[in-house]
Amino acid sequence: MNSNHIIIAAFVILFLCAASFLVVREQHLRQPSGWWAVAFSAPHDPMRGFFIENHTTDPLFRYVISTESSLIEEREIIVTSMLTVDIPSSAMENRNDTPLTVTVTHGNEKKTIYAYDRQR
């Protein structure tokens, strides 16, 4: 083999190794990793609703929207693993400047976000 063939062979081997690494890494990133998140869809305007992002194998979530004194909305929702679901809520739009609490439960874990009037 002359030097051109050696360089080309080395390049091909290096390329195949890099491509293999990227494929394995991508497959690893697509696996559920045991975490989930809840946040407002538009942080500057929490009344537009919120989203739940699921990176676990359990798709069942339960959310409660409430004020200090009353329950406004309570639902169970399925969020398939590795997906994000937007949850628009009319209850959040018609709150009349009352601070709201959104509590999401997944298994034994609970996360809460708060919506309040920033004009006060």
PDB file of N, CA and C in Angstrom:
ATOM      1  N   MET A   1       0.842  -1.186   0.000  1.00  0.00           N
ATOM      2  CA  MET A   1       0.000   0.000   0.000  1.00  0.00           C
ATOM      3  C   MET A   1       0.886   1.248   0.000  1.00  0.00           C
ATOM      4  N   ASN A   2       0.473   2.197  -0.766  1.00  0.00           N
ATOM      5  CA  ASN A   2       1.223   3.448  -0.733  1.00  0.00           C
ATOM      6  C   ASN A   2       0.631   4.368   0.340  1.00  0.00           C
ATOM      7  N   SER A   3       1.230   5.487   0.554  1.00  0.00           N
ATOM      8  CA  SER A   3       0.830   6.379   1.643  1.00  0.00           C
ATOM      9  C   SER A   3      -0.578   6.949   1.452  1.00  0.00           C
ATOM     10  N   ASN A   4      -1.037   7.141   0.217  1.00  0.00           N
ATOM     11  CA  ASN A   4      -2.390   7.648  -0.013  1.00  0.00           C
ATOM     12  C   ASN A   4      -3.440   6.649   0.473  1.00  0.00           C
ATOM     13  N   HIS A   5      -3.221   5.360   0.212  1.00  0.00           N
ATOM     14  CA  HIS A   5      -4.150   4.340   0.667  1.00  0.00           C
ATOM     15  C   HIS A   5      -4.168   4.242   2.188  1.00  0.00           C
ATOM     16  N   ILE A   6      -3.052   4.411   2.826  1.00  0.00           N
ATOM     17  CA  ILE A   6      -2.980   4.367   4.291  1.00  0.00           C
ATOM     18  C   ILE A   6      -3.760   5.537   4.888  1.00  0.00           C
ATOM     19  N   ILE A   7      -3.603   6.704   4.327  1.00  0.00           N
ATOM     20  CA  ILE A   7      -4.319   7.890   4.817  1.00  0.00           C
ATOM     21  C   ILE A   7      -5.825   7.716   4.627  1.00  0.00           C
ATOM     22  N   ILE A   8      -6.238   7.236   3.468  1.00  0.00           N
ATOM     23  CA  ILE A   8      -7.665   7.029   3.209  1.00  0.00           C
ATOM     24  C   ILE A   8      -8.228   5.963   4.143  1.00  0.00           C
ATOM     25  N   ALA A   9      -7.512   4.860   4.338  1.00  0.00           N
ATOM     26  CA  ALA A   9      -7.966   3.796   5.234  1.00  0.00           C
ATOM     27  C   ALA A   9      -8.078   4.313   6.675  1.00  0.00           C
ATOM     28  N   ALA A  10      -7.110   5.093   7.117  1.00  0.00           N
ATOM     29  CA  ALA A  10      -7.152   5.660   8.472  1.00  0.00           C
ATOM     30  C   ALA A  10      -8.342   6.609   8.620  1.00  0.00           C
ATOM     31  N   PHE A  11      -8.583   7.417   7.596  1.00  0.00           N
ATOM     32  CA  PHE A  11      -9.717   8.332   7.629  1.00  0.00           C
ATOM     33  C   PHE A  11     -11.041   7.577   7.704  1.00  0.00           C
ATOM     34  N   VAL A  12     -11.196   6.526   6.913  1.00  0.00           N
ATOM     35  CA  VAL A  12     -12.429   5.734   6.914  1.00  0.00           C
ATOM     36  C   VAL A  12     -12.635   5.072   8.275  1.00  0.00           C
ATOM     37  N   ILE A  13     -11.583   4.503   8.845  1.00  0.00           N
ATOM     38  CA  ILE A  13     -11.683   3.859  10.155  1.00  0.00           C
ATOM     39  C   ILE A  13     -12.059   4.880  11.225  1.00  0.00           C
ATOM     40  N   LEU A  14     -11.425   6.039  11.192  1.00  0.00           N
ATOM     41  CA  LEU A  14     -11.732   7.095  12.151  1.00  0.00           C
ATOM     42  C   LEU A  14     -13.180   7.580  12.001  1.00  0.00           C
ATOM     43  N   PHE A  15     -13.628   7.733  10.759  1.00  0.00           N
ATOM     44  CA  PHE A  15     -15.004   8.144  10.494  1.00  0.00           C
ATOM     45  C   PHE A  15     -16.000   7.113  11.020  1.00  0.00           C
ATOM     46  N   LEU A  16     -15.752   5.832  10.789  1.00  0.00           N
ATOM     47  CA  LEU A  16     -16.642   4.776  11.268  1.00  0.00           C
ATOM     48  C   LEU A  16     -16.697   4.733  12.792  1.00  0.00           C
ATOM     49  N   CYS A  17     -15.557   4.940  13.433  1.00  0.00           N
ATOM     50  CA  CYS A  17     -15.542   4.972  14.905  1.00  0.00           C
ATOM     51  C   CYS A  17     -16.358   6.146  15.431  1.00  0.00           C
ATOM     52  N   ALA A  18     -16.196   7.308  14.834  1.00  0.00           N
ATOM     53  CA  ALA A  18     -16.942   8.491  15.268  1.00  0.00           C
ATOM     54  C   ALA A  18     -18.441   8.307  15.027  1.00  0.00           C
ATOM     55  N   ALA A  19     -18.817   7.783  13.883  1.00  0.00           N
ATOM     56  CA  ALA A  19     -20.232   7.556  13.577  1.00  0.00           C
ATOM     57  C   ALA A  19     -20.834   6.539  14.545  1.00  0.00           C
ATOM     58  N   SER A  20     -20.105   5.485  14.863  1.00  0.00           N
ATOM     59  CA  SER A  20     -20.583   4.486  15.819  1.00  0.00           C
ATOM     60  C   SER A  20     -20.798   5.103  17.197  1.00  0.00           C
ATOM     61  N   PHE A  21     -19.854   5.927  17.624  1.00  0.00           N
ATOM     62  CA  PHE A  21     -19.986   6.612  18.912  1.00  0.00           C
ATOM     63  C   PHE A  21     -21.244   7.485  18.943  1.00  0.00           C
ATOM     64  N   LEU A  22     -21.489   8.233  17.884  1.00  0.00           N
ATOM     65  CA  LEU A  22     -22.662   9.111  17.827  1.00  0.00           C
ATOM     66  C   LEU A  22     -23.969   8.318  17.836  1.00  0.00           C
ATOM     67  N   VAL A  23     -24.011   7.204  17.164  1.00  0.00           N
ATOM     68  CA  VAL A  23     -25.217   6.368  17.149  1.00  0.00           C
ATOM     69  C   VAL A  23     -25.506   5.834  18.552  1.00  0.00           C
ATOM     70  N   VAL A  24     -24.484   5.325  19.224  1.00  0.00           N
ATOM     71  CA  VAL A  24     -24.662   4.791  20.576  1.00  0.00           C
ATOM     72  C   VAL A  24     -25.088   5.910  21.528  1.00  0.00           C
ATOM     73  N   ARG A  25     -24.482   7.065  21.417  1.00  0.00           N
ATOM     74  CA  ARG A  25     -24.828   8.215  22.270  1.00  0.00           C
ATOM     75  C   ARG A  25     -26.276   8.656  22.043  1.00  0.00           C
ATOM     76  N   GLU A  26     -26.704   8.716  20.803  1.00  0.00           N
ATOM     77  CA  GLU A  26     -28.078   9.116  20.480  1.00  0.00           C
ATOM     78  C   GLU A  26     -29.077   8.117  21.064  1.00  0.00           C
ATOM     79  N   GLN A  27     -28.795   6.839  20.964  1.00  0.00           N
ATOM     80  CA  GLN A  27     -29.684   5.822  21.527  1.00  0.00           C
ATOM     81  C   GLN A  27     -29.759   5.957  23.040  1.00  0.00           C
ATOM     82  N   HIS A  28     -28.635   6.264  23.658  1.00  0.00           N
ATOM     83  CA  HIS A  28     -28.604   6.452  25.110  1.00  0.00           C
ATOM     84  C   HIS A  28     -29.440   7.665  25.519  1.00  0.00           C
ATOM     85  N   LEU A  29     -29.385   8.747  24.757  1.00  0.00           N
ATOM     86  CA  LEU A  29     -30.140   9.957  25.082  1.00  0.00           C
ATOM     87  C   LEU A  29     -31.634   9.764  24.914  1.00  0.00           C
ATOM     88  N   ARG A  30     -32.047   8.825  24.083  1.00  0.00           N
ATOM     89  CA  ARG A  30     -33.467   8.583  23.849  1.00  0.00           C
ATOM     90  C   ARG A  30     -34.098   7.680  24.902  1.00  0.00           C
ATOM     91  N   GLN A  31     -33.318   7.170  25.819  1.00  0.00           N
ATOM     92  CA  GLN A  31     -33.837   6.315  26.877  1.00  0.00           C
ATOM     93  C   GLN A  31     -34.361   7.170  28.030  1.00  0.00           C
ATOM     94  N   PRO A  32     -35.481   6.767  28.649  1.00  0.00           N
ATOM     95  CA  PRO A  32     -35.973   7.505  29.818  1.00  0.00           C
ATOM     96  C   PRO A  32     -34.913   7.537  30.915  1.00  0.00           C
ATOM     97  N   SER A  33     -34.744   8.704  31.515  1.00  0.00           N
ATOM     98  CA  SER A  33     -33.678   8.844  32.499  1.00  0.00           C
ATOM     99  C   SER A  33     -34.192   9.135  33.904  1.00  0.00           C
ATOM    100  N   GLY A  34     -35.502   9.034  34.123  1.00  0.00           N
ATOM    101  CA  GLY A  34     -36.027   9.113  35.475  1.00  0.00           C
ATOM    102  C   GLY A  34     -36.351  10.499  35.997  1.00  0.00           C
ATOM    103  N   TRP A  35     -36.536  11.490  35.148  1.00  0.00           N
ATOM    104  CA  TRP A  35     -36.899  12.812  35.645  1.00  0.00           C
ATOM    105  C   TRP A  35     -38.085  13.364  34.870  1.00  0.00           C
ATOM    106  N   TRP A  36     -38.763  14.324  35.470  1.00  0.00           N
ATOM    107  CA  TRP A  36     -39.874  15.011  34.833  1.00  0.00           C
ATOM    108  C   TRP A  36     -39.884  16.452  35.317  1.00  0.00           C
ATOM    109  N   ALA A  37     -40.565  17.303  34.558  1.00  0.00           N
ATOM    110  CA  ALA A  37     -40.578  18.724  34.894  1.00  0.00           C
ATOM    111  C   ALA A  37     -41.943  19.322  34.621  1.00  0.00           C
ATOM    112  N   VAL A  38     -42.248  20.380  35.336  1.00  0.00           N
ATOM    113  CA  VAL A  38     -43.453  21.170  35.098  1.00  0.00           C
ATOM    114  C   VAL A  38     -43.035  22.635  35.095  1.00  0.00           C
ATOM    115  N   ALA A  39     -43.571  23.398  34.146  1.00  0.00           N
ATOM    116  CA  ALA A  39     -43.248  24.828  34.045  1.00  0.00           C
ATOM    117  C   ALA A  39     -44.346  25.529  33.261  1.00  0.00           C
ATOM    118  N   PHE A  40     -44.380  26.835  33.372  1.00  0.00           N
ATOM    119  CA  PHE A  40     -45.332  27.597  32.580  1.00  0.00           C
ATOM    120  C   PHE A  40     -44.897  27.627  31.133  1.00  0.00           C
ATOM    121  N   SER A  41     -45.869  27.563  30.228  1.00  0.00           N
ATOM    122  CA  SER A  41     -45.569  27.566  28.794  1.00  0.00           C
ATOM    123  C   SER A  41     -44.917  28.873  28.371  1.00  0.00           C
ATOM    124  N   ALA A  42     -45.344  29.975  28.961  1.00  0.00           N
ATOM    125  CA  ALA A  42     -44.771  31.297  28.685  1.00  0.00           C
ATOM    126  C   ALA A  42     -44.485  31.941  30.044  1.00  0.00           C
ATOM    127  N   PRO A  43     -43.243  31.896  30.518  1.00  0.00           N
ATOM    128  CA  PRO A  43     -42.931  32.410  31.857  1.00  0.00           C
ATOM    129  C   PRO A  43     -43.354  33.862  32.079  1.00  0.00           C
ATOM    130  N   HIS A  44     -43.320  34.681  31.027  1.00  0.00           N
ATOM    131  CA  HIS A  44     -43.726  36.078  31.174  1.00  0.00           C
ATOM    132  C   HIS A  44     -45.245  36.219  31.258  1.00  0.00           C
ATOM    133  N   ASP A  45     -46.001  35.174  30.918  1.00  0.00           N
ATOM    134  CA  ASP A  45     -47.465  35.178  30.972  1.00  0.00           C
ATOM    135  C   ASP A  45     -47.964  33.810  31.420  1.00  0.00           C
ATOM    136  N   PRO A  46     -47.916  33.526  32.725  1.00  0.00           N
ATOM    137  CA  PRO A  46     -48.283  32.191  33.208  1.00  0.00           C
ATOM    138  C   PRO A  46     -49.732  31.811  32.960  1.00  0.00           C
ATOM    139  N   MET A  47     -50.567  32.772  32.597  1.00  0.00           N
ATOM    140  CA  MET A  47     -51.972  32.459  32.382  1.00  0.00           C
ATOM    141  C   MET A  47     -52.206  31.696  31.077  1.00  0.00           C
ATOM    142  N   ARG A  48     -51.198  31.534  30.253  1.00  0.00           N
ATOM    143  CA  ARG A  48     -51.336  30.789  29.002  1.00  0.00           C
ATOM    144  C   ARG A  48     -51.330  29.280  29.223  1.00  0.00           C
ATOM    145  N   GLY A  49     -51.070  28.845  30.437  1.00  0.00           N
ATOM    146  CA  GLY A  49     -51.054  27.419  30.731  1.00  0.00           C
ATOM    147  C   GLY A  49     -49.660  26.949  31.109  1.00  0.00           C
ATOM    148  N   PHE A  50     -49.513  25.653  31.208  1.00  0.00           N
ATOM    149  CA  PHE A  50     -48.238  25.073  31.629  1.00  0.00           C
ATOM    150  C   PHE A  50     -47.990  23.798  30.843  1.00  0.00           C
ATOM    151  N   PHE A  51     -46.803  23.240  31.018  1.00  0.00           N
ATOM    152  CA  PHE A  51     -46.489  21.983  30.341  1.00  0.00           C
ATOM    153  C   PHE A  51     -45.864  21.004  31.320  1.00  0.00           C
ATOM    154  N   ILE A  52     -45.994  19.735  30.971  1.00  0.00           N
ATOM    155  CA  ILE A  52     -45.345  18.655  31.720  1.00  0.00           C
ATOM    156  C   ILE A  52     -44.443  17.928  30.742  1.00  0.00           C
ATOM    157  N   GLU A  53     -43.190  17.766  31.127  1.00  0.00           N
ATOM    158  CA  GLU A  53     -42.210  17.034  30.306  1.00  0.00           C
ATOM    159  C   GLU A  53     -41.841  15.756  31.043  1.00  0.00           C
ATOM    160  N   ASN A  54     -41.987  14.617  30.372  1.00  0.00           N
ATOM    161  CA  ASN A  54     -41.797  13.320  31.018  1.00  0.00           C
ATOM    162  C   ASN A  54     -40.580  12.592  30.454  1.00  0.00           C
ATOM    163  N   HIS A  55     -39.651  12.263  31.339  1.00  0.00           N
ATOM    164  CA  HIS A  55     -38.490  11.441  30.974  1.00  0.00           C
ATOM    165  C   HIS A  55     -38.419  10.233  31.905  1.00  0.00           C
ATOM    166  N   THR A  56     -39.604   9.697  32.232  1.00  0.00           N
ATOM    167  CA  THR A  56     -39.695   8.480  33.038  1.00  0.00           C
ATOM    168  C   THR A  56     -40.468   7.439  32.244  1.00  0.00           C
ATOM    169  N   THR A  57     -40.607   6.260  32.804  1.00  0.00           N
ATOM    170  CA  THR A  57     -41.363   5.208  32.127  1.00  0.00           C
ATOM    171  C   THR A  57     -42.840   5.214  32.518  1.00  0.00           C
ATOM    172  N   ASP A  58     -43.207   5.942  33.571  1.00  0.00           N
ATOM    173  CA  ASP A  58     -44.594   6.016  34.033  1.00  0.00           C
ATOM    174  C   ASP A  58     -45.289   7.217  33.385  1.00  0.00           C
ATOM    175  N   PRO A  59     -46.343   7.003  32.600  1.00  0.00           N
ATOM    176  CA  PRO A  59     -46.973   8.114  31.885  1.00  0.00           C
ATOM    177  C   PRO A  59     -48.078   8.841  32.664  1.00  0.00           C
ATOM    178  N   LEU A  60     -48.450   8.384  33.860  1.00  0.00           N
ATOM    179  CA  LEU A  60     -49.604   8.942  34.559  1.00  0.00           C
ATOM    180  C   LEU A  60     -49.214  10.130  35.451  1.00  0.00           C
ATOM    181  N   PHE A  61     -49.864  11.270  35.216  1.00  0.00           N
ATOM    182  CA  PHE A  61     -49.665  12.476  36.009  1.00  0.00           C
ATOM    183  C   PHE A  61     -51.022  12.971  36.487  1.00  0.00           C
ATOM    184  N   ARG A  62     -51.019  13.704  37.579  1.00  0.00           N
ATOM    185  CA  ARG A  62     -52.231  14.317  38.108  1.00  0.00           C
ATOM    186  C   ARG A  62     -51.890  15.759  38.439  1.00  0.00           C
ATOM    187  N   TYR A  63     -52.740  16.678  37.988  1.00  0.00           N
ATOM    188  CA  TYR A  63     -52.493  18.073  38.340  1.00  0.00           C
ATOM    189  C   TYR A  63     -53.714  18.684  39.005  1.00  0.00           C
ATOM    190  N   VAL A  64     -53.432  19.674  39.868  1.00  0.00           N
ATOM    191  CA  VAL A  64     -54.462  20.396  40.599  1.00  0.00           C
ATOM    192  C   VAL A  64     -54.152  21.878  40.453  1.00  0.00           C
ATOM    193  N   ILE A  65     -55.151  22.648  40.028  1.00  0.00           N
ATOM    194  CA  ILE A  65     -55.033  24.100  39.990  1.00  0.00           C
ATOM    195  C   ILE A  65     -55.938  24.629  41.093  1.00  0.00           C
ATOM    196  N   SER A  66     -55.366  25.463  41.970  1.00  0.00           N
ATOM    197  CA  SER A  66     -56.148  25.946  43.101  1.00  0.00           C
ATOM    198  C   SER A  66     -55.726  27.357  43.496  1.00  0.00           C
ATOM    199  N   THR A  67     -56.578  27.980  44.299  1.00  0.00           N
ATOM    200  CA  THR A  67     -56.238  29.242  44.945  1.00  0.00           C
ATOM    201  C   THR A  67     -55.972  28.912  46.403  1.00  0.00           C
ATOM    202  N   GLU A  68     -55.758  29.938  47.202  1.00  0.00           N
ATOM    203  CA  GLU A  68     -55.539  29.690  48.627  1.00  0.00           C
ATOM    204  C   GLU A  68     -56.748  29.028  49.275  1.00  0.00           C
ATOM    205  N   SER A  69     -57.944  29.334  48.743  1.00  0.00           N
ATOM    206  CA  SER A  69     -59.155  28.881  49.421  1.00  0.00           C
ATOM    207  C   SER A  69     -60.005  27.868  48.657  1.00  0.00           C
ATOM    208  N   SER A  70     -59.702  27.630  47.362  1.00  0.00           N
ATOM    209  CA  SER A  70     -60.589  26.713  46.636  1.00  0.00           C
ATOM    210  C   SER A  70     -59.862  25.925  45.551  1.00  0.00           C
ATOM    211  N   LEU A  71     -60.428  24.780  45.266  1.00  0.00           N
ATOM    212  CA  LEU A  71     -59.950  23.928  44.180  1.00  0.00           C
ATOM    213  C   LEU A  71     -60.621  24.385  42.890  1.00  0.00           C
ATOM    214  N   ILE A  72     -59.844  24.644  41.850  1.00  0.00           N
ATOM    215  CA  ILE A  72     -60.400  25.128  40.590  1.00  0.00           C
ATOM    216  C   ILE A  72     -60.499  24.019  39.557  1.00  0.00           C
ATOM    217  N   GLU A  73     -59.441  23.244  39.419  1.00  0.00           N
ATOM    218  CA  GLU A  73     -59.431  22.180  38.405  1.00  0.00           C
ATOM    219  C   GLU A  73     -58.523  21.058  38.884  1.00  0.00           C
ATOM    220  N   GLU A  74     -58.975  19.826  38.644  1.00  0.00           N
ATOM    221  CA  GLU A  74     -58.179  18.647  39.019  1.00  0.00           C
ATOM    222  C   GLU A  74     -58.353  17.617  37.919  1.00  0.00           C
ATOM    223  N   ARG A  75     -57.236  17.112  37.390  1.00  0.00           N
ATOM    224  CA  ARG A  75     -57.316  16.137  36.296  1.00  0.00           C
ATOM    225  C   ARG A  75     -56.136  15.174  36.357  1.00  0.00           C
ATOM    226  N   GLU A  76     -56.368  14.003  35.735  1.00  0.00           N
ATOM    227  CA  GLU A  76     -55.279  13.071  35.453  1.00  0.00           C
ATOM    228  C   GLU A  76     -54.982  13.185  33.972  1.00  0.00           C
ATOM    229  N   ILE A  77     -53.702  13.052  33.631  1.00  0.00           N
ATOM    230  CA  ILE A  77     -53.285  13.199  32.242  1.00  0.00           C
ATOM    231  C   ILE A  77     -52.201  12.175  31.951  1.00  0.00           C
ATOM    232  N   ILE A  78     -52.202  11.686  30.723  1.00  0.00           N
ATOM    233  CA  ILE A  78     -51.172  10.749  30.272  1.00  0.00           C
ATOM    234  C   ILE A  78     -50.132  11.543  29.477  1.00  0.00           C
ATOM    235  N   VAL A  79     -48.887  11.446  29.917  1.00  0.00           N
ATOM    236  CA  VAL A  79     -47.775  12.065  29.197  1.00  0.00           C
ATOM    237  C   VAL A  79     -46.797  10.944  28.851  1.00  0.00           C
ATOM    238  N   THR A  80     -46.792  10.564  27.606  1.00  0.00           N
ATOM    239  CA  THR A  80     -45.944   9.466  27.150  1.00  0.00           C
ATOM    240  C   THR A  80     -44.471   9.799  27.405  1.00  0.00           C
ATOM    241  N   SER A  81     -43.716   8.766  27.707  1.00  0.00           N
ATOM    242  CA  SER A  81     -42.292   8.937  27.982  1.00  0.00           C
ATOM    243  C   SER A  81     -41.582   9.653  26.836  1.00  0.00           C
ATOM    244  N   MET A  82     -40.715  10.576  27.186  1.00  0.00           N
ATOM    245  CA  MET A  82     -39.879  11.355  26.264  1.00  0.00           C
ATOM    246  C   MET A  82     -40.671  12.419  25.508  1.00  0.00           C
ATOM    247  N   LEU A  83     -41.874  12.773  25.991  1.00  0.00           N
ATOM    248  CA  LEU A  83     -42.683  13.801  25.340  1.00  0.00           C
ATOM    249  C   LEU A  83     -43.005  14.926  26.311  1.00  0.00           C
ATOM    250  N   THR A  84     -43.409  16.049  25.751  1.00  0.00           N
ATOM    251  CA  THR A  84     -43.878  17.202  26.507  1.00  0.00           C
ATOM    252  C   THR A  84     -45.306  17.502  26.081  1.00  0.00           C
ATOM    253  N   VAL A  85     -46.187  17.730  27.059  1.00  0.00           N
ATOM    254  CA  VAL A  85     -47.583  18.028  26.770  1.00  0.00           C
ATOM    255  C   VAL A  85     -47.916  19.415  27.325  1.00  0.00           C
ATOM    256  N   ASP A  86     -48.427  20.288  26.444  1.00  0.00           N
ATOM    257  CA  ASP A  86     -48.905  21.606  26.870  1.00  0.00           C
ATOM    258  C   ASP A  86     -50.316  21.463  27.415  1.00  0.00           C
ATOM    259  N   ILE A  87     -50.576  22.139  28.527  1.00  0.00           N
ATOM    260  CA  ILE A  87     -51.885  22.076  29.153  1.00  0.00           C
ATOM    261  C   ILE A  87     -52.435  23.501  29.259  1.00  0.00           C
ATOM    262  N   PRO A  88     -53.222  23.910  28.265  1.00  0.00           N
ATOM    263  CA  PRO A  88     -53.869  25.218  28.377  1.00  0.00           C
ATOM    264  C   PRO A  88     -55.015  25.101  29.375  1.00  0.00           C
ATOM    265  N   SER A  89     -55.273  26.140  30.112  1.00  0.00           N
ATOM    266  CA  SER A  89     -56.319  26.041  31.114  1.00  0.00           C
ATOM    267  C   SER A  89     -57.149  27.310  31.157  1.00  0.00           C
ATOM    268  N   SER A  90     -58.440  27.167  30.947  1.00  0.00           N
ATOM    269  CA  SER A  90     -59.335  28.320  31.054  1.00  0.00           C
ATOM    270  C   SER A  90     -59.409  28.797  32.498  1.00  0.00           C
ATOM    271  N   ALA A  91     -59.184  27.909  33.442  1.00  0.00           N
ATOM    272  CA  ALA A  91     -59.193  28.306  34.848  1.00  0.00           C
ATOM    273  C   ALA A  91     -58.090  29.312  35.141  1.00  0.00           C
ATOM    274  N   MET A  92     -56.979  29.189  34.442  1.00  0.00           N
ATOM    275  CA  MET A  92     -55.875  30.113  34.671  1.00  0.00           C
ATOM    276  C   MET A  92     -56.146  31.472  34.021  1.00  0.00           C
ATOM    277  N   GLU A  93     -56.909  31.475  32.939  1.00  0.00           N
ATOM    278  CA  GLU A  93     -57.218  32.729  32.258  1.00  0.00           C
ATOM    279  C   GLU A  93     -58.240  33.555  33.038  1.00  0.00           C
ATOM    280  N   ASN A  94     -59.162  32.901  33.697  1.00  0.00           N
ATOM    281  CA  ASN A  94     -60.245  33.592  34.391  1.00  0.00           C
ATOM    282  C   ASN A  94     -59.997  33.667  35.893  1.00  0.00           C
ATOM    283  N   ARG A  95     -58.839  34.042  36.280  1.00  0.00           N
ATOM    284  CA  ARG A  95     -58.505  33.989  37.693  1.00  0.00           C
ATOM    285  C   ARG A  95     -58.785  35.275  38.441  1.00  0.00           C
ATOM    286  N   ASN A  96     -59.105  36.373  37.755  1.00  0.00           N
ATOM    287  CA  ASN A  96     -59.444  37.648  38.407  1.00  0.00           C
ATOM    288  C   ASN A  96     -58.362  38.104  39.374  1.00  0.00           C
ATOM    289  N   ASP A  97     -57.111  38.055  38.936  1.00  0.00           N
ATOM    290  CA  ASP A  97     -55.960  38.510  39.730  1.00  0.00           C
ATOM    291  C   ASP A  97     -55.768  37.751  41.039  1.00  0.00           C
ATOM    292  N   THR A  98     -56.328  36.558  41.126  1.00  0.00           N
ATOM    293  CA  THR A  98     -56.124  35.716  42.293  1.00  0.00           C
ATOM    294  C   THR A  98     -54.907  34.837  42.062  1.00  0.00           C
ATOM    295  N   PRO A  99     -53.955  34.817  43.000  1.00  0.00           N
ATOM    296  CA  PRO A  99     -52.794  33.930  42.826  1.00  0.00           C
ATOM    297  C   PRO A  99     -53.229  32.470  42.731  1.00  0.00           C
ATOM    298  N   LEU A 100     -52.615  31.749  41.798  1.00  0.00           N
ATOM    299  CA  LEU A 100     -52.943  30.344  41.592  1.00  0.00           C
ATOM    300  C   LEU A 100     -51.750  29.461  41.907  1.00  0.00           C
ATOM    301  N   THR A 101     -52.054  28.239  42.297  1.00  0.00           N
ATOM    302  CA  THR A 101     -51.044  27.224  42.533  1.00  0.00           C
ATOM    303  C   THR A 101     -51.340  26.050  41.612  1.00  0.00           C
ATOM    304  N   VAL A 102     -50.328  25.591  40.899  1.00  0.00           N
ATOM    305  CA  VAL A 102     -50.449  24.392  40.063  1.00  0.00           C
ATOM    306  C   VAL A 102     -49.555  23.333  40.694  1.00  0.00           C
ATOM    307  N   THR A 103     -50.173  22.255  41.136  1.00  0.00           N
ATOM    308  CA  THR A 103     -49.422  21.158  41.756  1.00  0.00           C
ATOM    309  C   THR A 103     -49.571  19.922  40.883  1.00  0.00           C
ATOM    310  N   VAL A 104     -48.443  19.363  40.486  1.00  0.00           N
ATOM    311  CA  VAL A 104     -48.429  18.164  39.641  1.00  0.00           C
ATOM    312  C   VAL A 104     -47.839  17.029  40.459  1.00  0.00           C
ATOM    313  N   THR A 105     -48.533  15.887  40.429  1.00  0.00           N
ATOM    314  CA  THR A 105     -48.084  14.703  41.157  1.00  0.00           C
ATOM    315  C   THR A 105     -47.802  13.594  40.157  1.00  0.00           C
ATOM    316  N   HIS A 106     -46.676  12.927  40.383  1.00  0.00           N
ATOM    317  CA  HIS A 106     -46.258  11.797  39.545  1.00  0.00           C
ATOM    318  C   HIS A 106     -45.707  10.744  40.480  1.00  0.00           C
ATOM    319  N   GLY A 107     -46.462   9.667  40.658  1.00  0.00           N
ATOM    320  CA  GLY A 107     -46.038   8.655  41.633  1.00  0.00           C
ATOM    321  C   GLY A 107     -46.052   9.269  43.025  1.00  0.00           C
ATOM    322  N   ASN A 108     -44.935   9.199  43.728  1.00  0.00           N
ATOM    323  CA  ASN A 108     -44.811   9.776  45.068  1.00  0.00           C
ATOM    324  C   ASN A 108     -44.207  11.174  45.045  1.00  0.00           C
ATOM    325  N   GLU A 109     -43.894  11.684  43.871  1.00  0.00           N
ATOM    326  CA  GLU A 109     -43.223  12.978  43.753  1.00  0.00           C
ATOM    327  C   GLU A 109     -44.226  14.073  43.395  1.00  0.00           C
ATOM    328  N   LYS A 110     -44.048  15.237  43.990  1.00  0.00           N
ATOM    329  CA  LYS A 110     -44.959  16.350  43.774  1.00  0.00           C
ATOM    330  C   LYS A 110     -44.143  17.609  43.490  1.00  0.00           C
ATOM    331  N   LYS A 111     -44.570  18.382  42.468  1.00  0.00           N
ATOM    332  CA  LYS A 111     -43.913  19.644  42.137  1.00  0.00           C
ATOM    333  C   LYS A 111     -44.979  20.725  42.007  1.00  0.00           C
ATOM    334  N   THR A 112     -44.653  21.932  42.454  1.00  0.00           N
ATOM    335  CA  THR A 112     -45.609  23.021  42.473  1.00  0.00           C
ATOM    336  C   THR A 112     -45.021  24.254  41.797  1.00  0.00           C
ATOM    337  N   ILE A 113     -45.859  24.928  41.000  1.00  0.00           N
ATOM    338  CA  ILE A 113     -45.497  26.212  40.414  1.00  0.00           C
ATOM    339  C   ILE A 113     -46.590  27.210  40.796  1.00  0.00           C
ATOM    340  N   TYR A 114     -46.229  28.490  40.830  1.00  0.00           N
ATOM    341  CA  TYR A 114     -47.136  29.523  41.316  1.00  0.00           C
ATOM    342  C   TYR A 114     -47.342  30.601  40.253  1.00  0.00           C
ATOM    343  N   ALA A 115     -48.592  31.021  40.079  1.00  0.00           N
ATOM    344  CA  ALA A 115     -48.925  32.122  39.167  1.00  0.00           C
ATOM    345  C   ALA A 115     -49.522  33.250  40.009  1.00  0.00           C
ATOM    346  N   TYR A 116     -48.990  34.433  39.838  1.00  0.00           N
ATOM    347  CA  TYR A 116     -49.505  35.582  40.575  1.00  0.00           C
ATOM    348  C   TYR A 116     -49.470  36.803  39.671  1.00  0.00           C
ATOM    349  N   ASP A 117     -50.184  37.842  40.075  1.00  0.00           N
ATOM    350  CA  ASP A 117     -50.269  39.074  39.317  1.00  0.00           C
ATOM    351  C   ASP A 117     -48.986  39.886  39.519  1.00  0.00           C
ATOM    352  N   ARG A 118     -48.194  40.059  38.479  1.00  0.00           N
ATOM    353  CA  ARG A 118     -46.935  40.799  38.587  1.00  0.00           C
ATOM    354  C   ARG A 118     -47.139  42.306  38.631  1.00  0.00           C
ATOM    355  N   GLN A 119     -48.356  42.761  38.407  1.00  0.00           N
ATOM    356  CA  GLN A 119     -48.637  44.195  38.404  1.00  0.00           C
ATOM    357  C   GLN A 119     -48.753  44.754  39.819  1.00  0.00           C
ATOM    358  N   ARG A 120     -48.933  43.891  40.787  1.00  0.00           N
ATOM    359  CA  ARG A 120     -49.109  44.363  42.173  1.00  0.00           C
ATOM    360  C   ARG A 120     -47.833  44.876  42.759  1.00  0.00           C
TER     361      ARG A 120
END
